[in-house]
Amino acid sequence: MKIEEIKHPELKGHINMIYMHEENQNQSAIDKTESEIKEYIKDKEFIISIEDSKPVKIPYANDGEYLVPIFTDEAEYLTGMDYFSLNDMAENKEYEIVKLENYKKLKEDPNFLGYIVNIARVSYVIGTTLL
């Protein structure tokens, strides 16, 4: 699959719904939408920035915890790379298109907090409970 073929408007819709449900404090709707996200990401491929054949890790706090950025389309990836030019990932231009299950070992790492979607704009973390 080519980068320009990766598109996830449905996932973006789910993420927008999560934010709306949070504003309305509707926990049952949040839970339902999270279930839909979990089901959606199972068999979909995403763009993941890599370095030395491993996913790039974004430090979170100071305890060694980290997030792995994923991108839902080419425009988001390009925007994310511009965003990263302000920090450590400035030189990283490699990516792969994979299913998240390819990185099952990440879930075993207690410092792995999940995947961050669209880090350069309004972000959403797909936590390990959804994987």
N, C-alpha and C. Protein backbone atom coordinates (compact mmCIF):
# COMPACT_ATOMS: atom_id res chain seq x y z
N MET A 1 0.85 -1.18 0.00
CA MET A 1 0.00 0.00 0.00
C MET A 1 0.90 1.25 0.00
N LYS A 2 0.47 2.27 -0.72
CA LYS A 2 1.23 3.51 -0.83
C LYS A 2 0.70 4.52 0.19
N ILE A 3 1.56 5.46 0.57
CA ILE A 3 1.19 6.44 1.59
C ILE A 3 -0.05 7.24 1.19
N GLU A 4 -0.18 7.55 -0.09
CA GLU A 4 -1.33 8.35 -0.51
C GLU A 4 -2.64 7.56 -0.47
N GLU A 5 -2.56 6.25 -0.31
CA GLU A 5 -3.76 5.42 -0.21
C GLU A 5 -4.27 5.28 1.23
N ILE A 6 -3.47 5.69 2.19
CA ILE A 6 -3.86 5.59 3.59
C ILE A 6 -4.80 6.75 3.92
N LYS A 7 -6.00 6.41 4.34
CA LYS A 7 -6.99 7.42 4.72
C LYS A 7 -7.88 6.80 5.80
N HIS A 8 -8.10 7.54 6.85
CA HIS A 8 -8.91 7.03 7.96
C HIS A 8 -9.92 8.07 8.44
N PRO A 9 -10.83 8.52 7.57
CA PRO A 9 -11.83 9.50 8.02
C PRO A 9 -12.74 8.95 9.12
N GLU A 10 -12.99 7.64 9.10
CA GLU A 10 -13.86 7.05 10.12
C GLU A 10 -13.22 7.16 11.51
N LEU A 11 -11.92 6.88 11.59
CA LEU A 11 -11.22 7.01 12.87
C LEU A 11 -11.24 8.47 13.34
N LYS A 12 -11.01 9.39 12.42
CA LYS A 12 -11.05 10.81 12.79
C LYS A 12 -12.44 11.18 13.30
N GLY A 13 -13.47 10.64 12.68
CA GLY A 13 -14.84 10.87 13.15
C GLY A 13 -15.04 10.34 14.56
N HIS A 14 -14.53 9.14 14.82
CA HIS A 14 -14.64 8.56 16.18
C HIS A 14 -13.93 9.45 17.20
N ILE A 15 -12.76 9.95 16.84
CA ILE A 15 -12.00 10.80 17.77
C ILE A 15 -12.77 12.08 18.05
N ASN A 16 -13.35 12.69 17.02
CA ASN A 16 -14.16 13.89 17.23
C ASN A 16 -15.34 13.60 18.14
N MET A 17 -15.95 12.43 17.97
CA MET A 17 -17.08 12.06 18.82
C MET A 17 -16.65 11.90 20.28
N ILE A 18 -15.47 11.33 20.49
CA ILE A 18 -14.95 11.19 21.87
C ILE A 18 -14.89 12.56 22.53
N TYR A 19 -14.33 13.55 21.82
CA TYR A 19 -14.23 14.90 22.39
C TYR A 19 -15.61 15.48 22.69
N MET A 20 -16.56 15.27 21.80
CA MET A 20 -17.92 15.78 22.04
C MET A 20 -18.55 15.09 23.25
N HIS A 21 -18.37 13.77 23.34
CA HIS A 21 -18.94 13.03 24.48
C HIS A 21 -18.28 13.46 25.79
N GLU A 22 -16.98 13.76 25.74
CA GLU A 22 -16.29 14.22 26.95
C GLU A 22 -16.85 15.57 27.40
N GLU A 23 -17.10 16.47 26.45
CA GLU A 23 -17.68 17.78 26.79
C GLU A 23 -19.05 17.61 27.44
N ASN A 24 -19.79 16.62 26.99
CA ASN A 24 -21.13 16.36 27.55
C ASN A 24 -21.09 15.42 28.74
N GLN A 25 -19.92 14.98 29.12
CA GLN A 25 -19.73 14.05 30.23
C GLN A 25 -20.60 12.81 30.06
N ASN A 26 -20.60 12.27 28.86
CA ASN A 26 -21.42 11.10 28.52
C ASN A 26 -20.51 9.86 28.47
N GLN A 27 -20.27 9.27 29.62
CA GLN A 27 -19.32 8.15 29.72
C GLN A 27 -19.77 6.92 28.93
N SER A 28 -21.06 6.65 28.89
CA SER A 28 -21.50 5.47 28.14
C SER A 28 -21.24 5.65 26.64
N ALA A 29 -21.41 6.86 26.13
CA ALA A 29 -21.12 7.12 24.72
C ALA A 29 -19.62 7.06 24.46
N ILE A 30 -18.81 7.52 25.41
CA ILE A 30 -17.35 7.43 25.29
C ILE A 30 -16.95 5.96 25.21
N ASP A 31 -17.48 5.15 26.11
CA ASP A 31 -17.16 3.72 26.12
C ASP A 31 -17.55 3.05 24.80
N LYS A 32 -18.72 3.39 24.29
CA LYS A 32 -19.18 2.82 23.02
C LYS A 32 -18.25 3.23 21.88
N THR A 33 -17.88 4.49 21.83
CA THR A 33 -17.00 4.98 20.77
C THR A 33 -15.60 4.38 20.90
N GLU A 34 -15.12 4.22 22.11
CA GLU A 34 -13.82 3.56 22.29
C GLU A 34 -13.86 2.12 21.80
N SER A 35 -14.97 1.44 22.02
CA SER A 35 -15.12 0.07 21.49
C SER A 35 -15.08 0.08 19.97
N GLU A 36 -15.72 1.07 19.38
CA GLU A 36 -15.69 1.20 17.92
C GLU A 36 -14.27 1.48 17.42
N ILE A 37 -13.52 2.29 18.15
CA ILE A 37 -12.12 2.56 17.78
C ILE A 37 -11.31 1.28 17.87
N LYS A 38 -11.49 0.55 18.95
CA LYS A 38 -10.75 -0.70 19.14
C LYS A 38 -11.01 -1.66 17.98
N GLU A 39 -12.25 -1.78 17.59
CA GLU A 39 -12.62 -2.66 16.48
C GLU A 39 -12.05 -2.13 15.16
N TYR A 40 -12.10 -0.83 14.98
CA TYR A 40 -11.64 -0.21 13.74
C TYR A 40 -10.14 -0.43 13.51
N ILE A 41 -9.33 -0.23 14.55
CA ILE A 41 -7.88 -0.27 14.36
C ILE A 41 -7.32 -1.69 14.20
N LYS A 42 -8.13 -2.70 14.52
CA LYS A 42 -7.64 -4.08 14.46
C LYS A 42 -7.02 -4.46 13.13
N ASP A 43 -7.68 -4.14 12.05
CA ASP A 43 -7.23 -4.62 10.75
C ASP A 43 -6.83 -3.51 9.78
N LYS A 44 -6.64 -2.31 10.30
CA LYS A 44 -6.27 -1.18 9.44
C LYS A 44 -4.77 -0.94 9.50
N GLU A 45 -4.26 -0.37 8.42
CA GLU A 45 -2.84 -0.01 8.35
C GLU A 45 -2.69 1.49 8.58
N PHE A 46 -1.64 1.85 9.28
CA PHE A 46 -1.35 3.24 9.60
C PHE A 46 0.08 3.57 9.18
N ILE A 47 0.34 4.85 9.07
CA ILE A 47 1.69 5.32 8.78
C ILE A 47 2.39 5.50 10.12
N ILE A 48 3.54 4.86 10.27
CA ILE A 48 4.31 4.96 11.50
C ILE A 48 5.72 5.42 11.15
N SER A 49 6.16 6.48 11.80
CA SER A 49 7.51 6.98 11.59
C SER A 49 8.48 6.02 12.27
N ILE A 50 9.53 5.64 11.56
CA ILE A 50 10.50 4.68 12.10
C ILE A 50 11.91 5.24 12.04
N GLU A 51 12.73 4.66 12.88
CA GLU A 51 14.15 4.98 12.90
C GLU A 51 14.87 3.68 13.24
N ASP A 52 15.82 3.28 12.41
CA ASP A 52 16.51 2.00 12.58
C ASP A 52 15.51 0.84 12.66
N SER A 53 14.51 0.87 11.82
CA SER A 53 13.48 -0.16 11.72
C SER A 53 12.61 -0.32 12.96
N LYS A 54 12.62 0.67 13.84
CA LYS A 54 11.79 0.64 15.05
C LYS A 54 10.93 1.90 15.08
N PRO A 55 9.73 1.80 15.65
CA PRO A 55 8.88 2.99 15.72
C PRO A 55 9.52 4.07 16.59
N VAL A 56 9.38 5.30 16.15
CA VAL A 56 9.90 6.44 16.91
C VAL A 56 9.09 6.58 18.19
N LYS A 57 9.78 6.83 19.27
CA LYS A 57 9.12 6.98 20.57
C LYS A 57 9.20 8.44 21.01
N ILE A 58 8.09 8.97 21.46
CA ILE A 58 8.00 10.34 21.96
C ILE A 58 7.97 10.26 23.48
N PRO A 59 8.98 10.81 24.15
CA PRO A 59 8.98 10.76 25.62
C PRO A 59 7.77 11.47 26.20
N TYR A 60 7.26 10.91 27.29
CA TYR A 60 6.11 11.49 27.98
C TYR A 60 6.46 11.54 29.45
N ALA A 61 6.52 12.71 30.02
CA ALA A 61 6.95 12.90 31.41
C ALA A 61 8.43 12.54 31.55
N ASN A 62 8.87 12.32 32.75
CA ASN A 62 10.29 12.04 32.97
C ASN A 62 10.56 10.64 33.49
N ASP A 63 9.58 9.75 33.42
CA ASP A 63 9.76 8.42 34.00
C ASP A 63 10.10 7.36 32.97
N GLY A 64 10.47 7.73 31.77
CA GLY A 64 10.76 6.75 30.73
C GLY A 64 9.52 6.33 29.95
N GLU A 65 8.36 6.88 30.31
CA GLU A 65 7.14 6.55 29.58
C GLU A 65 7.15 7.24 28.22
N TYR A 66 6.50 6.61 27.26
CA TYR A 66 6.52 7.17 25.91
C TYR A 66 5.26 6.81 25.13
N LEU A 67 5.06 7.57 24.06
CA LEU A 67 3.98 7.35 23.10
C LEU A 67 4.63 7.12 21.74
N VAL A 68 3.95 6.41 20.88
CA VAL A 68 4.41 6.20 19.51
C VAL A 68 3.41 6.91 18.59
N PRO A 69 3.90 7.87 17.81
CA PRO A 69 2.98 8.58 16.91
C PRO A 69 2.58 7.73 15.71
N ILE A 70 1.30 7.80 15.36
CA ILE A 70 0.81 7.18 14.13
C ILE A 70 0.07 8.26 13.35
N PHE A 71 0.00 8.05 12.05
CA PHE A 71 -0.60 9.05 11.18
C PHE A 71 -1.69 8.39 10.35
N THR A 72 -2.80 9.08 10.19
CA THR A 72 -3.96 8.49 9.52
C THR A 72 -4.03 8.82 8.03
N ASP A 73 -3.17 9.71 7.55
CA ASP A 73 -3.11 9.99 6.12
C ASP A 73 -1.82 10.73 5.80
N GLU A 74 -1.56 10.92 4.52
CA GLU A 74 -0.31 11.53 4.08
C GLU A 74 -0.19 12.98 4.56
N ALA A 75 -1.26 13.75 4.47
CA ALA A 75 -1.22 15.15 4.91
C ALA A 75 -0.87 15.25 6.39
N GLU A 76 -1.47 14.38 7.19
CA GLU A 76 -1.19 14.36 8.63
C GLU A 76 0.28 14.00 8.88
N TYR A 77 0.79 13.06 8.12
CA TYR A 77 2.20 12.66 8.24
C TYR A 77 3.12 13.84 7.91
N LEU A 78 2.85 14.52 6.82
CA LEU A 78 3.69 15.66 6.42
C LEU A 78 3.63 16.79 7.44
N THR A 79 2.44 17.07 7.95
CA THR A 79 2.28 18.08 8.99
C THR A 79 3.03 17.66 10.25
N GLY A 80 2.92 16.37 10.59
CA GLY A 80 3.62 15.85 11.76
C GLY A 80 5.13 15.98 11.62
N MET A 81 5.65 15.73 10.43
CA MET A 81 7.10 15.86 10.22
C MET A 81 7.53 17.32 10.34
N ASP A 82 6.69 18.25 9.87
CA ASP A 82 6.99 19.68 10.06
C ASP A 82 7.02 20.01 11.55
N TYR A 83 6.06 19.49 12.28
CA TYR A 83 5.98 19.69 13.73
C TYR A 83 7.23 19.14 14.40
N PHE A 84 7.64 17.95 13.96
CA PHE A 84 8.81 17.32 14.57
C PHE A 84 10.10 18.04 14.23
N SER A 85 10.09 18.91 13.21
CA SER A 85 11.31 19.63 12.88
C SER A 85 11.70 20.56 14.02
N LEU A 86 10.79 20.77 14.96
CA LEU A 86 11.07 21.60 16.12
C LEU A 86 11.71 20.81 17.26
N ASN A 87 11.83 19.49 17.10
CA ASN A 87 12.39 18.69 18.19
C ASN A 87 13.28 17.56 17.67
N ASP A 88 13.39 16.51 18.45
CA ASP A 88 14.31 15.41 18.18
C ASP A 88 14.12 14.69 16.85
N MET A 89 12.92 14.67 16.34
CA MET A 89 12.66 13.89 15.14
C MET A 89 12.94 14.64 13.85
N ALA A 90 13.59 15.78 13.94
CA ALA A 90 13.78 16.63 12.77
C ALA A 90 14.41 15.89 11.59
N GLU A 91 15.32 14.98 11.86
CA GLU A 91 16.01 14.28 10.79
C GLU A 91 15.30 13.01 10.34
N ASN A 92 14.29 12.60 11.06
CA ASN A 92 13.63 11.35 10.74
C ASN A 92 12.64 11.53 9.59
N LYS A 93 12.89 10.85 8.50
CA LYS A 93 12.00 10.94 7.34
C LYS A 93 11.55 9.56 6.89
N GLU A 94 11.85 8.54 7.65
CA GLU A 94 11.45 7.18 7.26
C GLU A 94 10.10 6.85 7.88
N TYR A 95 9.36 6.03 7.17
CA TYR A 95 8.08 5.57 7.69
C TYR A 95 7.80 4.20 7.10
N GLU A 96 6.85 3.54 7.73
CA GLU A 96 6.33 2.31 7.16
C GLU A 96 4.83 2.32 7.33
N ILE A 97 4.18 1.51 6.53
CA ILE A 97 2.72 1.39 6.60
C ILE A 97 2.43 -0.01 7.11
N VAL A 98 1.89 -0.08 8.33
CA VAL A 98 1.70 -1.37 8.99
C VAL A 98 0.42 -1.38 9.82
N LYS A 99 0.01 -2.59 10.16
CA LYS A 99 -1.06 -2.77 11.15
C LYS A 99 -0.41 -2.62 12.52
N LEU A 100 -1.14 -2.09 13.47
CA LEU A 100 -0.59 -1.86 14.80
C LEU A 100 -0.20 -3.17 15.48
N GLU A 101 -0.84 -4.26 15.10
CA GLU A 101 -0.51 -5.56 15.70
C GLU A 101 0.93 -5.98 15.39
N ASN A 102 1.55 -5.37 14.38
CA ASN A 102 2.95 -5.68 14.08
C ASN A 102 3.88 -5.27 15.22
N TYR A 103 3.40 -4.41 16.09
CA TYR A 103 4.21 -3.95 17.21
C TYR A 103 3.64 -4.45 18.54
N LYS A 104 3.26 -5.72 18.57
CA LYS A 104 2.68 -6.32 19.78
C LYS A 104 3.61 -6.19 20.98
N LYS A 105 4.91 -6.27 20.75
CA LYS A 105 5.87 -6.23 21.86
C LYS A 105 5.83 -4.89 22.59
N LEU A 106 5.43 -3.83 21.90
CA LEU A 106 5.32 -2.54 22.58
C LEU A 106 4.35 -2.63 23.74
N LYS A 107 3.24 -3.34 23.53
CA LYS A 107 2.22 -3.45 24.56
C LYS A 107 2.76 -4.11 25.83
N GLU A 108 3.77 -4.95 25.68
CA GLU A 108 4.37 -5.62 26.83
C GLU A 108 5.27 -4.70 27.65
N ASP A 109 5.69 -3.59 27.07
CA ASP A 109 6.57 -2.64 27.74
C ASP A 109 5.74 -1.77 28.69
N PRO A 110 6.01 -1.80 29.99
CA PRO A 110 5.21 -1.02 30.94
C PRO A 110 5.35 0.50 30.73
N ASN A 111 6.36 0.93 30.01
CA ASN A 111 6.54 2.36 29.74
C ASN A 111 5.78 2.84 28.50
N PHE A 112 5.25 1.89 27.74
CA PHE A 112 4.50 2.24 26.53
C PHE A 112 3.09 2.64 26.94
N LEU A 113 2.71 3.88 26.62
CA LEU A 113 1.40 4.39 27.00
C LEU A 113 0.36 4.26 25.89
N GLY A 114 0.82 4.06 24.66
CA GLY A 114 -0.11 3.91 23.55
C GLY A 114 0.37 4.68 22.34
N TYR A 115 -0.53 4.77 21.35
CA TYR A 115 -0.24 5.48 20.10
C TYR A 115 -0.89 6.84 20.15
N ILE A 116 -0.17 7.85 19.72
CA ILE A 116 -0.75 9.19 19.65
C ILE A 116 -1.09 9.49 18.19
N VAL A 117 -2.34 9.86 17.96
CA VAL A 117 -2.84 10.14 16.62
C VAL A 117 -2.80 11.64 16.39
N ASN A 118 -2.25 12.05 15.26
CA ASN A 118 -2.25 13.45 14.84
C ASN A 118 -1.61 14.36 15.88
N ILE A 119 -0.36 14.11 16.17
CA ILE A 119 0.35 14.84 17.23
C ILE A 119 0.51 16.32 16.93
N ALA A 120 0.52 16.72 15.67
CA ALA A 120 0.75 18.13 15.33
C ALA A 120 -0.48 19.00 15.53
N ARG A 121 -1.64 18.38 15.67
CA ARG A 121 -2.88 19.15 15.86
C ARG A 121 -3.58 18.62 17.09
N VAL A 122 -4.88 18.61 17.07
CA VAL A 122 -5.62 18.03 18.20
C VAL A 122 -5.28 16.55 18.24
N SER A 123 -4.70 16.12 19.31
CA SER A 123 -4.22 14.74 19.40
C SER A 123 -5.16 13.86 20.21
N TYR A 124 -5.03 12.58 19.97
CA TYR A 124 -5.80 11.58 20.70
C TYR A 124 -4.88 10.40 20.96
N VAL A 125 -4.89 9.89 22.16
CA VAL A 125 -4.06 8.74 22.50
C VAL A 125 -4.89 7.48 22.47
N ILE A 126 -4.48 6.54 21.65
CA ILE A 126 -5.07 5.20 21.65
C ILE A 126 -4.30 4.44 22.71
N GLY A 127 -4.84 4.37 23.91
CA GLY A 127 -4.17 3.75 25.03
C GLY A 127 -4.10 2.24 24.87
N THR A 128 -3.25 1.62 25.67
CA THR A 128 -3.02 0.18 25.56
C THR A 128 -4.29 -0.64 25.82
N THR A 129 -5.27 -0.08 26.51
CA THR A 129 -6.52 -0.83 26.75
C THR A 129 -7.31 -1.00 25.46
N LEU A 130 -7.03 -0.17 24.45
CA LEU A 130 -7.74 -0.28 23.18
C LEU A 130 -7.00 -1.15 22.17
N LEU A 131 -5.82 -1.61 22.54
CA LEU A 131 -5.02 -2.40 21.59
C LEU A 131 -5.27 -3.89 21.76
